[in-house]
Structures are given as structure tokens and as C-alpha cells.
Amino acid sequence: MDRTFHPRTRRIALVATAAASALLIAGCSSSSGGKKAEESGAAVSAGKAGTPRMTVALVTHQAPGDTFWDIVRKGAEAAAAKDNVKLVYSADPNAGNQANLVQNAIDQKVDGIALTLAKPDAMKDVISKATSAKIPVVGLNSGVSDWQKLGLMEFFGQDETVAGEALGKKLNSEGAKKAVCVIQEQGNIGLTQRCDGVKKTFSGTTETLYVNGTDMPSVKSTITAKLKQDSAIDYVVTLGAPYALTAVQSVSDAGSKAKIATFDLNKDLTGAISKGTIQFAVDQQPYLQGYLAVDSLWLYKTNGNYSGGGEQPILTGPAFVDKSNVDAVAQFAAKGTR
């Protein structure tokens, strides 16, 4: 794995600390069932927490068909099974609707909320309502620049600007001259930060192309048209695995020689890297984000813990996956956990 870019090892080490703490307290993970545990003083029981049953709501901005969030959810479910947590998952890419889902969780008097901040301003009021109701709230995936100012206890994800800067440097090493950065959801702050980061460090020319991420035929035709219009584009940078795989078709349809790089993984994406149809991906470990977000709420409820001390985010990425290390990652991607 490319190790040229892990400048915040102290922060990343906190991930291992949080995960290790969870294992020490709760024992080995288990996917076994949801029977209410006996509310005894025992910390563990047959690999599953013996702490009182609690309910956690996970509310994301997942768009239909975006497989990235399936991986986040699997991580959250694994932590929930281990921690004797009832997990209630809901999602909507519309920020107002996502805020309403958080309000629903508040009304249901859940014990904790984990949420994404793709559009932080839209979530501000409902987060305030949750904290007023004394419901602990943590962030994941999107919102590393805003989680503290909005009053969240903890955050699990990657710094999207830093990730974009790393990809820009990687393009330089690949000898790229002109890149198009494809944003599938306009107004999503994390996606914007990725492209801005690429522009900051890439020595070539970068253009931004907006597509409708909920309509894959439209994504394909828009990228194809751009490549036909500008034959100088030698790299297409997408911000999610499904869009990278669609871009492969666009490159073929346009008769372009452009290469493809992306953020995020799934099992099909690792296969494409192995084949060479996609050059590399930036992995932020979504499974880890979901797992740590749910586990952190259990740790707070049962032991008053704050990952990162409430002062620093827990960084789950970024790291590069390319032909040199894709085989090691692919075995986990095949299970839907990377």
C-alpha cells in the first residue's frame, strides 16, 4: 500500500485504540441475533455485550443504488450485534428529508444517533434538538470540518480535502496533464472538498463536471459527451465506485484514451483495478466508519468514553489501493466489507 501519505499517524492510531477498547470490553465480535441480554453486571456474554439493550439510529445521505453505504451499514450492524444494540437505519440524499429522519429518531427517544453531514447547515437545528433531548450524537463520513461547531461528540471519517490533495499528487506521479473531476451530488460539501483538494496539488489542469448521481444512464452520457468534446482529458476522477465503473463505459463509448481514478471501493471496483481498467482508488474504509460510530455510542453509554477526547476526529483514511495491493483488499471487498 502506498504509505507516502499518512501524516496524521497519531490520530489514525486512535482508531486502533477505539477498536481495541471495544474488543477488550465486549469480547470477540459476533453476528448472532438480537435477544435482549440479561441486565447483569457482566460486561460480556458469549462474545456479546451483556449490557442493557439500547437503540441507535444511523441516518445517512445515501442515494438509491449507491453501494458505498451498504458497506457502512454492514460495519454498523457488526458493532450493533456485538454491543447488544438495536440499529435503526434510514437515509435520504435530500438534506431536508435527512433532517426529518433525524427528528423521527428523536421522537422515538433513541439512545444515540450517528449521522452524516453532507450538507451541515441543513442539519444544524435538528442536531440542536437532539442534544437538548440529551441524546448523544456522533458524525461519520461527511462533516469533518463542521462536527465540532454543530455540537457532535465525535467524528469518524477522512479529511476530504487531504484525500483530494493526495489524489492530486498521485496524478502528478502518473504524468497526468488534464483531469475532469466528476461530482455526482451538487452541494455535497465532502464531494466539493475532494475536487478542491485535487485542484490544489495537481500540477495539470482540472475541470469539474456535475452529473446526476441518481441517474446512471445520464451519468454515462454526460461523461461521454465531455470526453468527446475535449480529447485532451487524460484522467477522469470520480468520487464513488459506481461512477468509476460507469466512467469505464464512457471512456469506451467516447473512443477516449483517458484513464480513471476514483475515491472509494466495492468488489467490482477492486476487480477493475486488477484488470487495469481503473488505475487506483482512495479508500476511506466505510465499514470502519459505521462500526466505530455505533461502537462509540455504546462506549459512551456504558463507560463514558469519547474517542479522540472530543477534540480530534478519528481518521479512517485515506489510503491508496492500486495493482500493487489490490489482491490483499479484494478478499474483503468480495465479502462487502471493503
Foldseek 3Di string as FASTA:
>chain_A
DDPPDDVPVVLQVLLVVLVVVLCVQQNAWDLDDQDFAACDPRQYDPQAGNHGEFEEEEEEADFPPFLLVVLLVLLLSRLCRRHSYHYHYDHHNDLLVSLVVLVVVVVVVGQEYEYEPQPVVSNLVSLVVCVVSVRAYEYEAHDQPNCVVSPHQAYEWAQLLSQLLVVLVVCVVVVAAEEEEEDQDPSRVSSVSNQVSNVVRHPHYYHYHYFNNNDLVRLLVSLLVVCLVDLSHAEYEYEGQVSQVSVLVSCVVNVHNHAYEYEDDALVSLVCLQVVNHFKYWYQQSSSRSNSRNSQSSCCVPPNDGRVSSPHHRGSDTDMDHNVCSVVVNVVNVVVND
